[in-house]
PDB file of N, CA and C in Angstrom:
ATOM      1  N   ALA A   1      17.107  -9.978  28.729  1.00  0.00           N
ATOM      2  CA  ALA A   1      18.280 -10.071  29.549  1.00  0.00           C
ATOM      3  C   ALA A   1      19.514  -9.565  28.622  1.00  0.00           C
ATOM      4  N   SER A   2      19.954  -8.062  28.837  1.00  0.00           N
ATOM      5  CA  SER A   2      20.958  -7.775  28.241  1.00  0.00           C
ATOM      6  C   SER A   2      20.581  -7.494  26.613  1.00  0.00           C
ATOM      7  N   SER A   3      19.738  -7.602  26.270  1.00  0.00           N
ATOM      8  CA  SER A   3      19.723  -7.329  24.842  1.00  0.00           C
ATOM      9  C   SER A   3      17.834  -6.749  24.370  1.00  0.00           C
ATOM     10  N   TYR A   4      17.616  -6.255  23.524  1.00  0.00           N
ATOM     11  CA  TYR A   4      16.201  -5.587  23.134  1.00  0.00           C
ATOM     12  C   TYR A   4      15.031  -7.084  22.999  1.00  0.00           C
ATOM     13  N   VAL A   5      14.201  -6.450  23.311  1.00  0.00           N
ATOM     14  CA  VAL A   5      13.203  -7.735  22.986  1.00  0.00           C
ATOM     15  C   VAL A   5      13.043  -8.182  21.778  1.00  0.00           C
ATOM     16  N   PRO A   6      12.264  -9.425  21.338  1.00  0.00           N
ATOM     17  CA  PRO A   6      11.792  -9.863  20.314  1.00  0.00           C
ATOM     18  C   PRO A   6      11.012  -8.972  19.306  1.00  0.00           C
ATOM     19  N   ALA A   7      10.092  -8.293  19.804  1.00  0.00           N
ATOM     20  CA  ALA A   7       9.194  -7.601  19.111  1.00  0.00           C
ATOM     21  C   ALA A   7      10.328  -6.640  18.277  1.00  0.00           C
ATOM     22  N   ILE A   8      10.899  -6.083  18.957  1.00  0.00           N
ATOM     23  CA  ILE A   8      11.686  -4.676  18.148  1.00  0.00           C
ATOM     24  C   ILE A   8      13.086  -5.377  17.085  1.00  0.00           C
ATOM     25  N   LYS A   9      13.053  -6.699  17.309  1.00  0.00           N
ATOM     26  CA  LYS A   9      14.187  -7.284  16.467  1.00  0.00           C
ATOM     27  C   LYS A   9      13.114  -7.937  15.380  1.00  0.00           C
ATOM     28  N   THR A  10      12.035  -8.217  15.383  1.00  0.00           N
ATOM     29  CA  THR A  10      11.325  -8.512  14.027  1.00  0.00           C
ATOM     30  C   THR A  10      10.983  -7.400  13.333  1.00  0.00           C
ATOM     31  N   PHE A  11      10.633  -6.045  14.190  1.00  0.00           N
ATOM     32  CA  PHE A  11      10.653  -4.879  13.272  1.00  0.00           C
ATOM     33  C   PHE A  11      11.489  -4.498  12.318  1.00  0.00           C
ATOM     34  N   LEU A  12      12.635  -4.267  13.000  1.00  0.00           N
ATOM     35  CA  LEU A  12      13.778  -3.924  12.287  1.00  0.00           C
ATOM     36  C   LEU A  12      14.312  -4.972  11.387  1.00  0.00           C
ATOM     37  N   ALA A  13      13.704  -5.847  11.443  1.00  0.00           N
ATOM     38  CA  ALA A  13      14.453  -7.063  10.327  1.00  0.00           C
ATOM     39  C   ALA A  13      13.397  -6.747   8.987  1.00  0.00           C
ATOM     40  N   ARG A  14      12.134  -6.514   9.473  1.00  0.00           N
ATOM     41  CA  ARG A  14      11.358  -6.307   8.331  1.00  0.00           C
ATOM     42  C   ARG A  14      11.271  -4.854   7.782  1.00  0.00           C
ATOM     43  N   TYR A  15      11.555  -4.029   8.555  1.00  0.00           N
ATOM     44  CA  TYR A  15      11.549  -2.689   8.333  1.00  0.00           C
ATOM     45  C   TYR A  15      12.930  -1.945   8.661  1.00  0.00           C
ATOM     46  N   PRO A  16      13.659  -2.003   7.782  1.00  0.00           N
ATOM     47  CA  PRO A  16      15.094  -1.352   7.981  1.00  0.00           C
ATOM     48  C   PRO A  16      14.653   0.078   8.488  1.00  0.00           C
ATOM     49  N   LEU A  17      15.325   0.687   8.991  1.00  0.00           N
ATOM     50  CA  LEU A  17      15.111   2.050   9.230  1.00  0.00           C
ATOM     51  C   LEU A  17      16.803   2.608   8.556  1.00  0.00           C
ATOM     52  N   LYS A  18      16.497   3.760   7.880  1.00  0.00           N
ATOM     53  CA  LYS A  18      17.754   4.562   7.354  1.00  0.00           C
ATOM     54  C   LYS A  18      17.288   5.992   7.182  1.00  0.00           C
ATOM     55  N   ASN A  19      17.832   7.110   7.569  1.00  0.00           N
ATOM     56  CA  ASN A  19      17.853   8.402   7.713  1.00  0.00           C
ATOM     57  C   ASN A  19      16.681   8.880   8.546  1.00  0.00           C
ATOM     58  N   LYS A  20      16.629   8.403   9.892  1.00  0.00           N
ATOM     59  CA  LYS A  20      16.033   8.748  10.719  1.00  0.00           C
ATOM     60  C   LYS A  20      16.156   9.271  12.007  1.00  0.00           C
ATOM     61  N   LYS A  21      15.897  10.268  12.361  1.00  0.00           N
ATOM     62  CA  LYS A  21      16.385  10.768  13.935  1.00  0.00           C
ATOM     63  C   LYS A  21      15.701   9.967  14.807  1.00  0.00           C
ATOM     64  N   ILE A  22      16.487   9.500  15.484  1.00  0.00           N
ATOM     65  CA  ILE A  22      16.473   8.276  16.625  1.00  0.00           C
ATOM     66  C   ILE A  22      17.160   8.473  18.061  1.00  0.00           C
ATOM     67  N   ALA A  23      16.226   8.385  19.079  1.00  0.00           N
ATOM     68  CA  ALA A  23      16.786   8.453  20.498  1.00  0.00           C
ATOM     69  C   ALA A  23      16.579   7.010  20.989  1.00  0.00           C
ATOM     70  N   LEU A  24      17.524   6.478  21.418  1.00  0.00           N
ATOM     71  CA  LEU A  24      17.259   5.330  21.992  1.00  0.00           C
ATOM     72  C   LEU A  24      17.501   5.490  23.744  1.00  0.00           C
ATOM     73  N   TYR A  25      16.450   4.808  24.063  1.00  0.00           N
ATOM     74  CA  TYR A  25      16.859   4.352  25.372  1.00  0.00           C
ATOM     75  C   TYR A  25      16.453   2.884  26.063  1.00  0.00           C
ATOM     76  N   CYS A  26      16.434   2.294  27.349  1.00  0.00           N
ATOM     77  CA  CYS A  26      16.183   1.114  27.778  1.00  0.00           C
ATOM     78  C   CYS A  26      15.897   1.423  29.244  1.00  0.00           C
ATOM     79  N   SER A  27      14.818   0.550  29.473  1.00  0.00           N
ATOM     80  CA  SER A  27      14.717   0.201  31.372  1.00  0.00           C
ATOM     81  C   SER A  27      15.251  -1.015  31.455  1.00  0.00           C
ATOM     82  N   TYR A  28      15.821  -1.005  32.380  1.00  0.00           N
ATOM     83  CA  TYR A  28      16.500  -2.392  33.399  1.00  0.00           C
ATOM     84  C   TYR A  28      16.658  -2.655  34.657  1.00  0.00           C
ATOM     85  N   GLU A  29      16.691  -4.133  35.220  1.00  0.00           N
ATOM     86  CA  GLU A  29      16.177  -4.262  36.315  1.00  0.00           C
ATOM     87  C   GLU A  29      17.605  -4.244  37.326  1.00  0.00           C
ATOM     88  N   GLY A  30      18.566  -4.841  36.629  1.00  0.00           N
ATOM     89  CA  GLY A  30      19.884  -5.256  37.357  1.00  0.00           C
ATOM     90  C   GLY A  30      21.284  -4.047  36.252  1.00  0.00           C
ATOM     91  N   ASP A  31      21.229  -4.590  35.269  1.00  0.00           N
ATOM     92  CA  ASP A  31      22.473  -3.831  34.257  1.00  0.00           C
ATOM     93  C   ASP A  31      21.879  -3.486  33.021  1.00  0.00           C
ATOM     94  N   PRO A  32      22.063  -2.394  32.025  1.00  0.00           N
ATOM     95  CA  PRO A  32      21.395  -2.264  31.160  1.00  0.00           C
ATOM     96  C   PRO A  32      22.251  -3.344  29.634  1.00  0.00           C
ATOM     97  N   GLY A  33      23.416  -3.891  30.391  1.00  0.00           N
ATOM     98  CA  GLY A  33      24.120  -4.818  29.735  1.00  0.00           C
ATOM     99  C   GLY A  33      24.481  -4.038  28.079  1.00  0.00           C
ATOM    100  N   LYS A  34      24.380  -4.669  27.165  1.00  0.00           N
ATOM    101  CA  LYS A  34      24.828  -4.365  25.410  1.00  0.00           C
ATOM    102  C   LYS A  34      23.455  -3.746  24.716  1.00  0.00           C
ATOM    103  N   THR A  35      22.308  -3.432  25.571  1.00  0.00           N
ATOM    104  CA  THR A  35      20.880  -3.130  24.908  1.00  0.00           C
ATOM    105  C   THR A  35      21.387  -1.981  23.638  1.00  0.00           C
ATOM    106  N   ILE A  36      21.854  -0.808  24.535  1.00  0.00           N
ATOM    107  CA  ILE A  36      22.101   0.161  23.403  1.00  0.00           C
ATOM    108  C   ILE A  36      23.010  -0.035  22.749  1.00  0.00           C
ATOM    109  N   LYS A  37      24.156  -0.423  23.044  1.00  0.00           N
ATOM    110  CA  LYS A  37      25.361  -0.911  22.083  1.00  0.00           C
ATOM    111  C   LYS A  37      24.483  -1.659  20.706  1.00  0.00           C
ATOM    112  N   ASN A  38      23.847  -2.681  21.062  1.00  0.00           N
ATOM    113  CA  ASN A  38      23.588  -3.507  20.287  1.00  0.00           C
ATOM    114  C   ASN A  38      22.522  -2.715  19.259  1.00  0.00           C
ATOM    115  N   LEU A  39      21.458  -2.216  19.569  1.00  0.00           N
ATOM    116  CA  LEU A  39      20.630  -1.006  18.849  1.00  0.00           C
ATOM    117  C   LEU A  39      21.411  -0.227  17.908  1.00  0.00           C
ATOM    118  N   LYS A  40      22.582   0.172  18.566  1.00  0.00           N
ATOM    119  CA  LYS A  40      22.816   1.323  17.641  1.00  0.00           C
ATOM    120  C   LYS A  40      24.034   0.516  16.517  1.00  0.00           C
ATOM    121  N   LYS A  41      24.326  -0.747  16.635  1.00  0.00           N
ATOM    122  CA  LYS A  41      24.946  -1.422  15.535  1.00  0.00           C
ATOM    123  C   LYS A  41      23.561  -1.454  14.503  1.00  0.00           C
ATOM    124  N   CYS A  42      22.559  -1.970  15.478  1.00  0.00           N
ATOM    125  CA  CYS A  42      21.229  -2.388  14.148  1.00  0.00           C
ATOM    126  C   CYS A  42      20.690  -1.203  13.505  1.00  0.00           C
ATOM    127  N   LEU A  43      21.063  -0.057  14.208  1.00  0.00           N
ATOM    128  CA  LEU A  43      20.571   1.422  13.264  1.00  0.00           C
ATOM    129  C   LEU A  43      21.822   2.493  12.890  1.00  0.00           C
ATOM    130  N   LYS A  44      22.638   1.814  12.691  1.00  0.00           N
ATOM    131  CA  LYS A  44      23.589   2.368  12.339  1.00  0.00           C
ATOM    132  C   LYS A  44      23.686   3.840  10.825  1.00  0.00           C
ATOM    133  N   ASN A  45      22.631   3.200  10.139  1.00  0.00           N
ATOM    134  CA  ASN A  45      22.251   4.357   8.772  1.00  0.00           C
ATOM    135  C   ASN A  45      21.573   5.462   9.405  1.00  0.00           C
ATOM    136  N   ASN A  46      21.597   5.629  10.257  1.00  0.00           N
ATOM    137  CA  ASN A  46      20.296   6.975  10.899  1.00  0.00           C
ATOM    138  C   ASN A  46      21.201   8.042  12.073  1.00  0.00           C
ATOM    139  N   ASN A  47      20.486   9.008  12.203  1.00  0.00           N
ATOM    140  CA  ASN A  47      20.956  10.328  13.214  1.00  0.00           C
ATOM    141  C   ASN A  47      20.660   9.806  14.325  1.00  0.00           C
ATOM    142  N   LEU A  48      21.770   9.702  15.190  1.00  0.00           N
ATOM    143  CA  LEU A  48      20.924   8.831  16.794  1.00  0.00           C
ATOM    144  C   LEU A  48      21.377  10.424  17.319  1.00  0.00           C
ATOM    145  N   LEU A  49      20.166  10.791  18.042  1.00  0.00           N
ATOM    146  CA  LEU A  49      20.217  12.105  18.932  1.00  0.00           C
ATOM    147  C   LEU A  49      20.510  11.696  20.378  1.00  0.00           C
ATOM    148  N   GLY A  50      20.221  10.731  21.083  1.00  0.00           N
ATOM    149  CA  GLY A  50      20.645  10.148  22.312  1.00  0.00           C
ATOM    150  C   GLY A  50      20.537   9.204  22.524  1.00  0.00           C
ATOM    151  N   GLU A  51      21.102   9.032  23.710  1.00  0.00           N
ATOM    152  CA  GLU A  51      21.013   7.598  24.352  1.00  0.00           C
ATOM    153  C   GLU A  51      21.038   7.482  26.087  1.00  0.00           C
ATOM    154  N   LYS A  52      20.194   6.868  26.725  1.00  0.00           N
ATOM    155  CA  LYS A  52      20.119   6.968  27.840  1.00  0.00           C
ATOM    156  C   LYS A  52      19.556   5.034  28.804  1.00  0.00           C
ATOM    157  N   GLY A  53      19.939   4.908  29.857  1.00  0.00           N
ATOM    158  CA  GLY A  53      19.166   3.679  30.106  1.00  0.00           C
ATOM    159  C   GLY A  53      18.500   4.277  31.686  1.00  0.00           C
ATOM    160  N   PHE A  54      17.421   3.794  32.005  1.00  0.00           N
ATOM    161  CA  PHE A  54      16.797   4.199  33.127  1.00  0.00           C
ATOM    162  C   PHE A  54      16.558   2.327  33.991  1.00  0.00           C
ATOM    163  N   LYS A  55      17.306   2.628  35.171  1.00  0.00           N
ATOM    164  CA  LYS A  55      16.797   1.517  36.283  1.00  0.00           C
ATOM    165  C   LYS A  55      15.526   1.625  36.734  1.00  0.00           C
ATOM    166  N   VAL A  56      14.565   0.381  36.430  1.00  0.00           N
ATOM    167  CA  VAL A  56      13.446   0.213  36.770  1.00  0.00           C
ATOM    168  C   VAL A  56      13.289   0.928  38.599  1.00  0.00           C
ATOM    169  N   ALA A  57      13.644   0.357  39.194  1.00  0.00           N
ATOM    170  CA  ALA A  57      13.813   0.870  40.762  1.00  0.00           C
ATOM    171  C   ALA A  57      13.710   1.981  40.852  1.00  0.00           C
ATOM    172  N   HIS A  58      14.147   2.854  40.451  1.00  0.00           N
ATOM    173  CA  HIS A  58      14.080   4.240  40.430  1.00  0.00           C
ATOM    174  C   HIS A  58      12.767   4.932  39.775  1.00  0.00           C
ATOM    175  N   LYS A  59      11.664   4.620  39.775  1.00  0.00           N
ATOM    176  CA  LYS A  59      10.560   4.930  38.713  1.00  0.00           C
ATOM    177  C   LYS A  59      10.410   6.443  39.372  1.00  0.00           C
ATOM    178  N   ASN A  60       9.946   6.965  40.397  1.00  0.00           N
ATOM    179  CA  ASN A  60       9.988   8.351  40.673  1.00  0.00           C
ATOM    180  C   ASN A  60      10.951   9.532  40.139  1.00  0.00           C
ATOM    181  N   LYS A  61      12.161   8.706  40.500  1.00  0.00           N
ATOM    182  CA  LYS A  61      13.465   9.545  39.872  1.00  0.00           C
ATOM    183  C   LYS A  61      13.206   9.797  38.366  1.00  0.00           C
ATOM    184  N   ASN A  62      12.895   8.552  37.996  1.00  0.00           N
ATOM    185  CA  ASN A  62      13.117   8.260  36.310  1.00  0.00           C
ATOM    186  C   ASN A  62      12.101   9.323  35.713  1.00  0.00           C
ATOM    187  N   MET A  63      11.001   9.572  35.988  1.00  0.00           N
ATOM    188  CA  MET A  63       9.943  10.056  35.517  1.00  0.00           C
ATOM    189  C   MET A  63      10.203  11.425  35.095  1.00  0.00           C
ATOM    190  N   THR A  64      11.079  12.350  36.239  1.00  0.00           N
ATOM    191  CA  THR A  64      11.809  13.569  36.217  1.00  0.00           C
ATOM    192  C   THR A  64      12.661  13.254  35.054  1.00  0.00           C
ATOM    193  N   GLU A  65      13.742  12.415  35.174  1.00  0.00           N
ATOM    194  CA  GLU A  65      14.752  12.381  34.739  1.00  0.00           C
ATOM    195  C   GLU A  65      14.249  12.237  32.670  1.00  0.00           C
ATOM    196  N   ILE A  66      13.507  10.947  32.509  1.00  0.00           N
ATOM    197  CA  ILE A  66      12.808  11.155  31.314  1.00  0.00           C
ATOM    198  C   ILE A  66      12.771  11.947  30.674  1.00  0.00           C
ATOM    199  N   LYS A  67      11.426  12.939  31.385  1.00  0.00           N
ATOM    200  CA  LYS A  67      11.351  14.225  31.032  1.00  0.00           C
ATOM    201  C   LYS A  67      12.273  15.164  30.320  1.00  0.00           C
ATOM    202  N   ASN A  68      13.209  15.218  31.300  1.00  0.00           N
ATOM    203  CA  ASN A  68      14.043  16.365  31.306  1.00  0.00           C
ATOM    204  C   ASN A  68      15.287  15.963  30.635  1.00  0.00           C
ATOM    205  N   TRP A  69      15.487  14.767  30.011  1.00  0.00           N
ATOM    206  CA  TRP A  69      16.127  14.165  29.063  1.00  0.00           C
ATOM    207  C   TRP A  69      15.294  14.369  26.984  1.00  0.00           C
ATOM    208  N   ALA A  70      14.199  13.964  27.366  1.00  0.00           N
ATOM    209  CA  ALA A  70      13.580  13.711  26.202  1.00  0.00           C
ATOM    210  C   ALA A  70      13.198  15.444  25.765  1.00  0.00           C
ATOM    211  N   MET A  71      13.235  16.488  26.697  1.00  0.00           N
ATOM    212  CA  MET A  71      13.121  17.843  26.317  1.00  0.00           C
ATOM    213  C   MET A  71      14.615  18.312  25.673  1.00  0.00           C
ATOM    214  N   SER A  72      15.526  17.978  26.502  1.00  0.00           N
ATOM    215  CA  SER A  72      17.594  17.988  25.925  1.00  0.00           C
ATOM    216  C   SER A  72      17.368  17.907  24.388  1.00  0.00           C
ATOM    217  N   LEU A  73      16.759  16.835  23.782  1.00  0.00           N
ATOM    218  CA  LEU A  73      16.973  16.289  22.494  1.00  0.00           C
ATOM    219  C   LEU A  73      16.364  16.979  21.528  1.00  0.00           C
ATOM    220  N   PHE A  74      15.703  17.948  21.929  1.00  0.00           N
ATOM    221  CA  PHE A  74      15.134  18.874  21.117  1.00  0.00           C
ATOM    222  C   PHE A  74      15.691  20.041  21.373  1.00  0.00           C
ATOM    223  N   SER A  75      16.206  20.598  22.168  1.00  0.00           N
ATOM    224  CA  SER A  75      16.832  22.109  22.548  1.00  0.00           C
ATOM    225  C   SER A  75      18.101  22.440  21.965  1.00  0.00           C
TER     226      SER A  75
END
């Protein structure tokens, strides 16, 4: 609920990432809340390529949107 899952928190605590190229995305039911904002804080020592939230209810639309977004990160 408005945060990233415990497995990601544990991973980032054990393996702090630095100087990496990172694209942040999340899927959500109601509202993305502060998920991306909190991840950005945790990953501040990296190069953020982009960020995006995808509403779960729009599954078919999201597949195209995800592909286009991912491709735009590398163009």
